[in-house]
Amino acid sequence: MENRISAELTDEAVAAVLAAFDTIEQHLPFLLSLTAEESRRLPRMGDRNTPFVQETLQVAHLAAEHLPRRFDLAEVDRDLALYRRFAPLCKRMESLGERMQDTRDVLSSDLYLACLEAYRYLKAADRAEGLETLLDRVGRRFAGQGRRAAADPTRP
């Protein structure tokens, strides 16, 4: 069995990371939470529309007198400035989040495979050692699965 990760995470390290998350949240008080539906419905700028946004804002500044008074060009400028500062933070956080998820997935896999291996060894051990009751309890996870029949190569 391959153990892909072997590390320790101390209480102090967990506390420090949680404190860092708190600090991040304190410095980003404007963060929002959207429902899946709200997120799905949002039109997004994306890479293809970035030049459109930038060029339109340039033209809007050159011809601001043609915009209605209710159009707050200064607020759009603030949004653009925020976007430019915020986007690299998001990219970094996304990368970190992906690495954390990958690490959690590998840990989960390592744990499950190690326990499957241990279960097979314990099942093969002499039942007289008092393991039967314990193994029956653990083995409920596999109840009703039985052995899978080999696939018939003649069937589609």
N, C-alpha and C. Protein backbone atom coordinates (compact mmCIF):
# COMPACT_ATOMS: atom_id res chain seq x y z
N MET A 1 0.83 -1.18 0.00
CA MET A 1 0.00 0.00 0.00
C MET A 1 0.88 1.24 0.00
N GLU A 2 0.56 2.17 -0.87
CA GLU A 2 1.31 3.42 -0.95
C GLU A 2 0.67 4.44 -0.01
N ASN A 3 1.50 5.04 0.82
CA ASN A 3 1.05 6.12 1.69
C ASN A 3 1.58 7.41 1.08
N ARG A 4 0.70 8.15 0.40
CA ARG A 4 1.15 9.31 -0.38
C ARG A 4 1.46 10.54 0.46
N ILE A 5 0.98 10.57 1.68
CA ILE A 5 1.27 11.74 2.52
C ILE A 5 1.47 11.28 3.95
N SER A 6 2.52 11.79 4.54
CA SER A 6 2.82 11.50 5.94
C SER A 6 3.25 12.81 6.57
N ALA A 7 2.40 13.36 7.40
CA ALA A 7 2.68 14.67 8.00
C ALA A 7 1.94 14.77 9.31
N GLU A 8 2.26 15.79 10.06
CA GLU A 8 1.54 16.10 11.29
C GLU A 8 1.07 17.53 11.21
N LEU A 9 -0.06 17.80 11.80
CA LEU A 9 -0.59 19.14 11.87
C LEU A 9 -0.86 19.43 13.35
N THR A 10 -0.02 20.26 13.92
CA THR A 10 -0.10 20.53 15.36
C THR A 10 -1.29 21.44 15.68
N ASP A 11 -1.69 21.42 16.94
CA ASP A 11 -2.75 22.32 17.39
C ASP A 11 -2.35 23.78 17.15
N GLU A 12 -1.07 24.06 17.35
CA GLU A 12 -0.59 25.43 17.15
C GLU A 12 -0.70 25.84 15.68
N ALA A 13 -0.37 24.91 14.78
CA ALA A 13 -0.46 25.21 13.35
C ALA A 13 -1.92 25.42 12.94
N VAL A 14 -2.81 24.58 13.44
CA VAL A 14 -4.24 24.74 13.14
C VAL A 14 -4.73 26.10 13.63
N ALA A 15 -4.35 26.45 14.86
CA ALA A 15 -4.76 27.75 15.42
C ALA A 15 -4.21 28.90 14.58
N ALA A 16 -2.98 28.79 14.13
CA ALA A 16 -2.37 29.85 13.32
C ALA A 16 -3.08 29.98 11.98
N VAL A 17 -3.42 28.86 11.35
CA VAL A 17 -4.11 28.91 10.06
C VAL A 17 -5.51 29.50 10.24
N LEU A 18 -6.22 29.07 11.28
CA LEU A 18 -7.55 29.63 11.53
C LEU A 18 -7.47 31.13 11.81
N ALA A 19 -6.45 31.55 12.53
CA ALA A 19 -6.26 32.98 12.79
C ALA A 19 -5.97 33.72 11.48
N ALA A 20 -5.20 33.09 10.60
CA ALA A 20 -4.92 33.71 9.30
C ALA A 20 -6.20 33.84 8.48
N PHE A 21 -7.06 32.82 8.53
CA PHE A 21 -8.35 32.91 7.84
C PHE A 21 -9.18 34.05 8.42
N ASP A 22 -9.19 34.17 9.75
CA ASP A 22 -9.91 35.28 10.40
C ASP A 22 -9.37 36.62 9.92
N THR A 23 -8.06 36.73 9.83
CA THR A 23 -7.44 37.97 9.36
C THR A 23 -7.87 38.28 7.93
N ILE A 24 -7.88 37.27 7.09
CA ILE A 24 -8.31 37.45 5.70
C ILE A 24 -9.75 37.97 5.68
N GLU A 25 -10.62 37.33 6.44
CA GLU A 25 -12.02 37.75 6.45
C GLU A 25 -12.19 39.17 7.00
N GLN A 26 -11.37 39.54 7.98
CA GLN A 26 -11.45 40.90 8.53
C GLN A 26 -11.03 41.94 7.49
N HIS A 27 -10.07 41.59 6.65
CA HIS A 27 -9.59 42.53 5.64
C HIS A 27 -10.44 42.53 4.37
N LEU A 28 -11.36 41.59 4.28
CA LEU A 28 -12.26 41.52 3.12
C LEU A 28 -13.72 41.52 3.60
N PRO A 29 -14.15 42.58 4.28
CA PRO A 29 -15.50 42.58 4.86
C PRO A 29 -16.61 42.62 3.82
N PHE A 30 -16.29 42.86 2.58
CA PHE A 30 -17.27 42.97 1.50
C PHE A 30 -17.58 41.63 0.84
N LEU A 31 -16.97 40.53 1.33
CA LEU A 31 -17.21 39.23 0.69
C LEU A 31 -18.69 38.86 0.75
N LEU A 32 -19.17 38.26 -0.31
CA LEU A 32 -20.58 37.88 -0.44
C LEU A 32 -20.72 36.36 -0.48
N SER A 33 -21.92 35.90 -0.20
CA SER A 33 -22.28 34.49 -0.36
C SER A 33 -23.50 34.44 -1.28
N LEU A 34 -23.35 33.76 -2.39
CA LEU A 34 -24.44 33.63 -3.34
C LEU A 34 -24.99 32.22 -3.30
N THR A 35 -26.26 32.08 -3.61
CA THR A 35 -26.82 30.75 -3.81
C THR A 35 -26.29 30.23 -5.15
N ALA A 36 -26.42 28.95 -5.36
CA ALA A 36 -25.98 28.37 -6.63
C ALA A 36 -26.75 29.00 -7.79
N GLU A 37 -28.04 29.26 -7.58
CA GLU A 37 -28.86 29.87 -8.63
C GLU A 37 -28.42 31.30 -8.91
N GLU A 38 -28.15 32.08 -7.86
CA GLU A 38 -27.68 33.45 -8.06
C GLU A 38 -26.35 33.46 -8.83
N SER A 39 -25.47 32.57 -8.46
CA SER A 39 -24.18 32.49 -9.13
C SER A 39 -24.34 32.11 -10.59
N ARG A 40 -25.22 31.16 -10.85
CA ARG A 40 -25.45 30.70 -12.22
C ARG A 40 -25.98 31.82 -13.11
N ARG A 41 -26.79 32.69 -12.55
CA ARG A 41 -27.44 33.75 -13.34
C ARG A 41 -26.57 34.98 -13.57
N LEU A 42 -25.46 35.09 -12.87
CA LEU A 42 -24.61 36.28 -13.01
C LEU A 42 -23.91 36.34 -14.36
N PRO A 43 -24.06 37.45 -15.08
CA PRO A 43 -23.20 37.61 -16.25
C PRO A 43 -21.78 37.92 -15.75
N ARG A 44 -20.79 37.35 -16.38
CA ARG A 44 -19.41 37.54 -15.92
C ARG A 44 -18.58 38.20 -17.01
N MET A 45 -17.61 38.96 -16.54
CA MET A 45 -16.73 39.66 -17.48
C MET A 45 -15.87 38.64 -18.23
N GLY A 46 -15.14 37.81 -17.55
CA GLY A 46 -14.31 36.81 -18.20
C GLY A 46 -13.22 37.41 -19.06
N ASP A 47 -12.34 36.57 -19.55
CA ASP A 47 -11.20 37.01 -20.36
C ASP A 47 -11.63 37.65 -21.68
N ARG A 48 -12.68 37.10 -22.28
CA ARG A 48 -13.11 37.61 -23.59
C ARG A 48 -13.73 39.00 -23.48
N ASN A 49 -14.35 39.30 -22.34
CA ASN A 49 -15.03 40.59 -22.19
C ASN A 49 -14.18 41.65 -21.50
N THR A 50 -13.01 41.28 -21.01
CA THR A 50 -12.16 42.25 -20.32
C THR A 50 -11.79 43.43 -21.22
N PRO A 51 -11.36 43.19 -22.46
CA PRO A 51 -11.06 44.34 -23.33
C PRO A 51 -12.28 45.24 -23.55
N PHE A 52 -13.45 44.64 -23.69
CA PHE A 52 -14.68 45.43 -23.85
C PHE A 52 -14.88 46.35 -22.65
N VAL A 53 -14.73 45.81 -21.45
CA VAL A 53 -14.92 46.60 -20.23
C VAL A 53 -13.91 47.74 -20.18
N GLN A 54 -12.66 47.42 -20.41
CA GLN A 54 -11.62 48.45 -20.32
C GLN A 54 -11.82 49.55 -21.36
N GLU A 55 -12.10 49.15 -22.59
CA GLU A 55 -12.27 50.14 -23.66
C GLU A 55 -13.53 50.96 -23.46
N THR A 56 -14.60 50.33 -23.00
CA THR A 56 -15.84 51.06 -22.76
C THR A 56 -15.65 52.10 -21.66
N LEU A 57 -14.91 51.73 -20.62
CA LEU A 57 -14.65 52.70 -19.55
C LEU A 57 -13.80 53.87 -20.05
N GLN A 58 -12.84 53.59 -20.90
CA GLN A 58 -12.03 54.68 -21.47
C GLN A 58 -12.91 55.65 -22.26
N VAL A 59 -13.77 55.08 -23.09
CA VAL A 59 -14.66 55.91 -23.89
C VAL A 59 -15.64 56.66 -22.98
N ALA A 60 -16.14 55.99 -21.96
CA ALA A 60 -17.08 56.63 -21.03
C ALA A 60 -16.44 57.83 -20.35
N HIS A 61 -15.17 57.73 -20.01
CA HIS A 61 -14.48 58.87 -19.40
C HIS A 61 -14.28 60.01 -20.41
N LEU A 62 -14.04 59.65 -21.64
CA LEU A 62 -13.84 60.68 -22.67
C LEU A 62 -15.15 61.38 -23.04
N ALA A 63 -16.25 60.65 -22.89
CA ALA A 63 -17.55 61.20 -23.29
C ALA A 63 -18.56 61.10 -22.15
N ALA A 64 -18.14 61.41 -20.95
CA ALA A 64 -18.99 61.28 -19.76
C ALA A 64 -20.27 62.12 -19.87
N GLU A 65 -20.21 63.20 -20.63
CA GLU A 65 -21.39 64.07 -20.76
C GLU A 65 -22.55 63.36 -21.47
N HIS A 66 -22.27 62.24 -22.14
CA HIS A 66 -23.31 61.49 -22.84
C HIS A 66 -23.94 60.40 -21.97
N LEU A 67 -23.44 60.26 -20.77
CA LEU A 67 -24.00 59.27 -19.84
C LEU A 67 -25.08 59.94 -19.00
N PRO A 68 -26.12 59.20 -18.63
CA PRO A 68 -27.14 59.80 -17.75
C PRO A 68 -26.53 60.13 -16.38
N ARG A 69 -27.10 61.11 -15.71
CA ARG A 69 -26.56 61.54 -14.42
C ARG A 69 -26.60 60.42 -13.39
N ARG A 70 -27.57 59.56 -13.50
CA ARG A 70 -27.68 58.46 -12.52
C ARG A 70 -26.57 57.41 -12.70
N PHE A 71 -25.88 57.43 -13.85
CA PHE A 71 -24.78 56.49 -14.09
C PHE A 71 -23.57 56.98 -13.30
N ASP A 72 -23.17 56.18 -12.31
CA ASP A 72 -22.09 56.57 -11.39
C ASP A 72 -20.76 56.02 -11.91
N LEU A 73 -20.12 56.80 -12.76
CA LEU A 73 -18.85 56.38 -13.36
C LEU A 73 -17.77 56.22 -12.30
N ALA A 74 -17.81 57.04 -11.28
CA ALA A 74 -16.82 56.92 -10.19
C ALA A 74 -16.97 55.57 -9.48
N GLU A 75 -18.21 55.11 -9.32
CA GLU A 75 -18.43 53.81 -8.67
C GLU A 75 -17.93 52.68 -9.58
N VAL A 76 -18.12 52.81 -10.86
CA VAL A 76 -17.61 51.80 -11.80
C VAL A 76 -16.08 51.78 -11.73
N ASP A 77 -15.47 52.93 -11.63
CA ASP A 77 -14.00 53.00 -11.48
C ASP A 77 -13.56 52.31 -10.18
N ARG A 78 -14.31 52.52 -9.10
CA ARG A 78 -13.98 51.85 -7.82
C ARG A 78 -14.11 50.34 -7.98
N ASP A 79 -15.16 49.89 -8.67
CA ASP A 79 -15.33 48.45 -8.89
C ASP A 79 -14.16 47.88 -9.69
N LEU A 80 -13.73 48.61 -10.71
CA LEU A 80 -12.60 48.15 -11.52
C LEU A 80 -11.32 48.08 -10.68
N ALA A 81 -11.09 49.10 -9.87
CA ALA A 81 -9.90 49.10 -9.01
C ALA A 81 -9.96 47.93 -8.03
N LEU A 82 -11.14 47.69 -7.46
CA LEU A 82 -11.30 46.56 -6.54
C LEU A 82 -11.06 45.25 -7.27
N TYR A 83 -11.63 45.12 -8.46
CA TYR A 83 -11.46 43.89 -9.24
C TYR A 83 -9.98 43.63 -9.51
N ARG A 84 -9.25 44.65 -9.91
CA ARG A 84 -7.83 44.48 -10.23
C ARG A 84 -7.01 44.06 -9.01
N ARG A 85 -7.37 44.54 -7.85
CA ARG A 85 -6.64 44.15 -6.63
C ARG A 85 -7.12 42.80 -6.10
N PHE A 86 -8.40 42.53 -6.29
CA PHE A 86 -9.02 41.34 -5.71
C PHE A 86 -8.75 40.07 -6.52
N ALA A 87 -8.70 40.19 -7.84
CA ALA A 87 -8.53 39.02 -8.71
C ALA A 87 -7.29 38.20 -8.38
N PRO A 88 -6.11 38.81 -8.16
CA PRO A 88 -4.94 37.99 -7.81
C PRO A 88 -5.10 37.27 -6.46
N LEU A 89 -5.82 37.90 -5.53
CA LEU A 89 -6.08 37.23 -4.25
C LEU A 89 -6.95 36.00 -4.46
N CYS A 90 -7.95 36.14 -5.32
CA CYS A 90 -8.83 35.01 -5.62
C CYS A 90 -8.05 33.87 -6.27
N LYS A 91 -7.19 34.23 -7.20
CA LYS A 91 -6.39 33.21 -7.89
C LYS A 91 -5.54 32.44 -6.88
N ARG A 92 -4.92 33.16 -5.97
CA ARG A 92 -4.08 32.52 -4.94
C ARG A 92 -4.93 31.64 -4.03
N MET A 93 -6.09 32.14 -3.62
CA MET A 93 -6.97 31.37 -2.73
C MET A 93 -7.51 30.13 -3.44
N GLU A 94 -7.86 30.27 -4.72
CA GLU A 94 -8.34 29.12 -5.49
C GLU A 94 -7.26 28.05 -5.58
N SER A 95 -6.03 28.46 -5.83
CA SER A 95 -4.92 27.52 -5.90
C SER A 95 -4.73 26.82 -4.56
N LEU A 96 -4.76 27.59 -3.49
CA LEU A 96 -4.62 27.01 -2.16
C LEU A 96 -5.77 26.05 -1.86
N GLY A 97 -6.99 26.47 -2.21
CA GLY A 97 -8.16 25.62 -1.99
C GLY A 97 -8.07 24.31 -2.74
N GLU A 98 -7.61 24.36 -3.99
CA GLU A 98 -7.45 23.14 -4.78
C GLU A 98 -6.41 22.22 -4.15
N ARG A 99 -5.30 22.79 -3.69
CA ARG A 99 -4.26 21.98 -3.06
C ARG A 99 -4.76 21.38 -1.75
N MET A 100 -5.54 22.15 -0.99
CA MET A 100 -6.10 21.62 0.26
C MET A 100 -7.06 20.48 -0.04
N GLN A 101 -7.93 20.65 -1.04
CA GLN A 101 -8.87 19.60 -1.42
C GLN A 101 -8.13 18.36 -1.91
N ASP A 102 -7.11 18.55 -2.74
CA ASP A 102 -6.33 17.41 -3.23
C ASP A 102 -5.67 16.67 -2.07
N THR A 103 -5.13 17.42 -1.12
CA THR A 103 -4.48 16.80 0.04
C THR A 103 -5.50 16.04 0.87
N ARG A 104 -6.68 16.64 1.09
CA ARG A 104 -7.73 15.95 1.85
C ARG A 104 -8.16 14.68 1.12
N ASP A 105 -8.28 14.74 -0.21
CA ASP A 105 -8.68 13.56 -0.99
C ASP A 105 -7.64 12.45 -0.87
N VAL A 106 -6.35 12.81 -0.93
CA VAL A 106 -5.29 11.80 -0.81
C VAL A 106 -5.29 11.21 0.60
N LEU A 107 -5.45 12.06 1.62
CA LEU A 107 -5.52 11.55 2.99
C LEU A 107 -6.69 10.59 3.15
N SER A 108 -7.83 10.95 2.61
CA SER A 108 -9.01 10.11 2.68
C SER A 108 -8.76 8.77 2.00
N SER A 109 -8.15 8.81 0.83
CA SER A 109 -7.84 7.59 0.09
C SER A 109 -6.84 6.72 0.86
N ASP A 110 -5.77 7.35 1.36
CA ASP A 110 -4.78 6.60 2.15
C ASP A 110 -5.42 5.91 3.34
N LEU A 111 -6.28 6.64 4.05
CA LEU A 111 -6.94 6.07 5.23
C LEU A 111 -7.83 4.89 4.85
N TYR A 112 -8.64 5.08 3.82
CA TYR A 112 -9.57 4.03 3.42
C TYR A 112 -8.83 2.79 2.94
N LEU A 113 -7.81 2.98 2.10
CA LEU A 113 -7.05 1.83 1.60
C LEU A 113 -6.30 1.12 2.72
N ALA A 114 -5.74 1.87 3.66
CA ALA A 114 -5.05 1.25 4.79
C ALA A 114 -6.02 0.42 5.62
N CYS A 115 -7.21 0.94 5.83
CA CYS A 115 -8.20 0.21 6.63
C CYS A 115 -8.74 -1.01 5.89
N LEU A 116 -8.89 -0.91 4.57
CA LEU A 116 -9.27 -2.10 3.80
C LEU A 116 -8.22 -3.18 3.93
N GLU A 117 -6.96 -2.79 3.84
CA GLU A 117 -5.86 -3.75 3.97
C GLU A 117 -5.85 -4.36 5.37
N ALA A 118 -5.99 -3.54 6.39
CA ALA A 118 -6.02 -4.04 7.76
C ALA A 118 -7.19 -4.99 7.96
N TYR A 119 -8.34 -4.64 7.42
CA TYR A 119 -9.53 -5.48 7.54
C TYR A 119 -9.30 -6.85 6.91
N ARG A 120 -8.67 -6.87 5.72
CA ARG A 120 -8.38 -8.16 5.06
C ARG A 120 -7.44 -9.01 5.92
N TYR A 121 -6.40 -8.39 6.48
CA TYR A 121 -5.48 -9.12 7.35
C TYR A 121 -6.19 -9.66 8.58
N LEU A 122 -7.00 -8.83 9.19
CA LEU A 122 -7.69 -9.24 10.41
C LEU A 122 -8.71 -10.33 10.12
N LYS A 123 -9.38 -10.24 8.98
CA LYS A 123 -10.34 -11.28 8.59
C LYS A 123 -9.65 -12.62 8.39
N ALA A 124 -8.44 -12.58 7.85
CA ALA A 124 -7.69 -13.80 7.59
C ALA A 124 -7.08 -14.38 8.86
N ALA A 125 -7.04 -13.58 9.93
CA ALA A 125 -6.44 -14.05 11.19
C ALA A 125 -7.32 -15.13 11.81
N ASP A 126 -6.75 -15.83 12.73
CA ASP A 126 -7.45 -16.90 13.43
C ASP A 126 -8.64 -16.31 14.19
N ARG A 127 -9.84 -16.84 13.93
CA ARG A 127 -11.06 -16.35 14.57
C ARG A 127 -11.06 -16.64 16.07
N ALA A 128 -10.24 -17.53 16.52
CA ALA A 128 -10.20 -17.87 17.94
C ALA A 128 -9.60 -16.74 18.78
N GLU A 129 -9.02 -15.79 18.13
CA GLU A 129 -8.38 -14.70 18.86
C GLU A 129 -9.38 -13.67 19.38
N GLY A 130 -10.67 -13.91 19.24
CA GLY A 130 -11.68 -12.99 19.74
C GLY A 130 -11.98 -11.84 18.81
N LEU A 131 -11.60 -11.96 17.56
CA LEU A 131 -11.81 -10.88 16.61
C LEU A 131 -13.17 -10.93 15.91
N GLU A 132 -13.83 -12.09 16.01
CA GLU A 132 -15.04 -12.29 15.21
C GLU A 132 -16.10 -11.23 15.47
N THR A 133 -16.41 -10.95 16.72
CA THR A 133 -17.45 -9.96 17.03
C THR A 133 -17.06 -8.58 16.52
N LEU A 134 -15.80 -8.22 16.73
CA LEU A 134 -15.33 -6.91 16.27
C LEU A 134 -15.37 -6.81 14.74
N LEU A 135 -14.91 -7.88 14.07
CA LEU A 135 -14.89 -7.86 12.61
C LEU A 135 -16.30 -7.88 12.02
N ASP A 136 -17.23 -8.57 12.69
CA ASP A 136 -18.61 -8.56 12.22
C ASP A 136 -19.17 -7.14 12.26
N ARG A 137 -18.85 -6.42 13.33
CA ARG A 137 -19.33 -5.04 13.46
C ARG A 137 -18.72 -4.16 12.35
N VAL A 138 -17.42 -4.28 12.16
CA VAL A 138 -16.74 -3.49 11.13
C VAL A 138 -17.20 -3.91 9.74
N GLY A 139 -17.42 -5.20 9.54
CA GLY A 139 -17.77 -5.73 8.23
C GLY A 139 -19.17 -5.39 7.76
N ARG A 140 -20.00 -4.81 8.64
CA ARG A 140 -21.35 -4.41 8.21
C ARG A 140 -21.29 -3.43 7.04
N ARG A 141 -20.22 -2.74 6.93
CA ARG A 141 -20.02 -1.79 5.83
C ARG A 141 -20.17 -2.49 4.47
N PHE A 142 -19.81 -3.77 4.43
CA PHE A 142 -19.81 -4.52 3.17
C PHE A 142 -21.00 -5.48 3.06
N ALA A 143 -21.93 -5.41 4.00
CA ALA A 143 -23.07 -6.33 4.01
C ALA A 143 -23.84 -6.25 2.70
N GLY A 144 -24.16 -7.40 2.15
CA GLY A 144 -24.96 -7.47 0.95
C GLY A 144 -24.21 -7.24 -0.35
N GLN A 145 -22.92 -6.96 -0.25
CA GLN A 145 -22.18 -6.72 -1.48
C GLN A 145 -21.74 -8.02 -2.14
N GLY A 146 -21.33 -8.98 -1.35
CA GLY A 146 -20.87 -10.24 -1.90
C GLY A 146 -19.76 -10.06 -2.91
N ARG A 147 -19.39 -11.12 -3.55
CA ARG A 147 -18.36 -11.03 -4.59
C ARG A 147 -19.02 -10.63 -5.89
N ARG A 148 -18.36 -9.79 -6.60
CA ARG A 148 -18.88 -9.36 -7.89
C ARG A 148 -18.50 -10.39 -8.94
N ALA A 149 -19.46 -10.72 -9.78
CA ALA A 149 -19.20 -11.67 -10.86
C ALA A 149 -18.33 -11.00 -11.92
N ALA A 150 -17.48 -11.79 -12.51
CA ALA A 150 -16.63 -11.25 -13.59
C ALA A 150 -17.52 -10.85 -14.75
N ALA A 151 -17.17 -9.79 -15.40
CA ALA A 151 -17.95 -9.31 -16.54
C ALA A 151 -17.90 -10.33 -17.67
N ASP A 152 -19.04 -10.55 -18.28
CA ASP A 152 -19.14 -11.47 -19.41
C ASP A 152 -18.73 -10.71 -20.67
N PRO A 153 -17.60 -11.10 -21.30
CA PRO A 153 -17.13 -10.35 -22.47
C PRO A 153 -18.07 -10.45 -23.67
N THR A 154 -19.02 -11.40 -23.65
CA THR A 154 -19.94 -11.55 -24.78
C THR A 154 -21.16 -10.64 -24.63
N ARG A 155 -21.33 -10.05 -23.44
CA ARG A 155 -22.49 -9.17 -23.21
C ARG A 155 -22.09 -7.72 -23.45
N PRO A 156 -23.00 -6.95 -24.01
CA PRO A 156 -22.70 -5.53 -24.28
C PRO A 156 -22.65 -4.71 -23.00
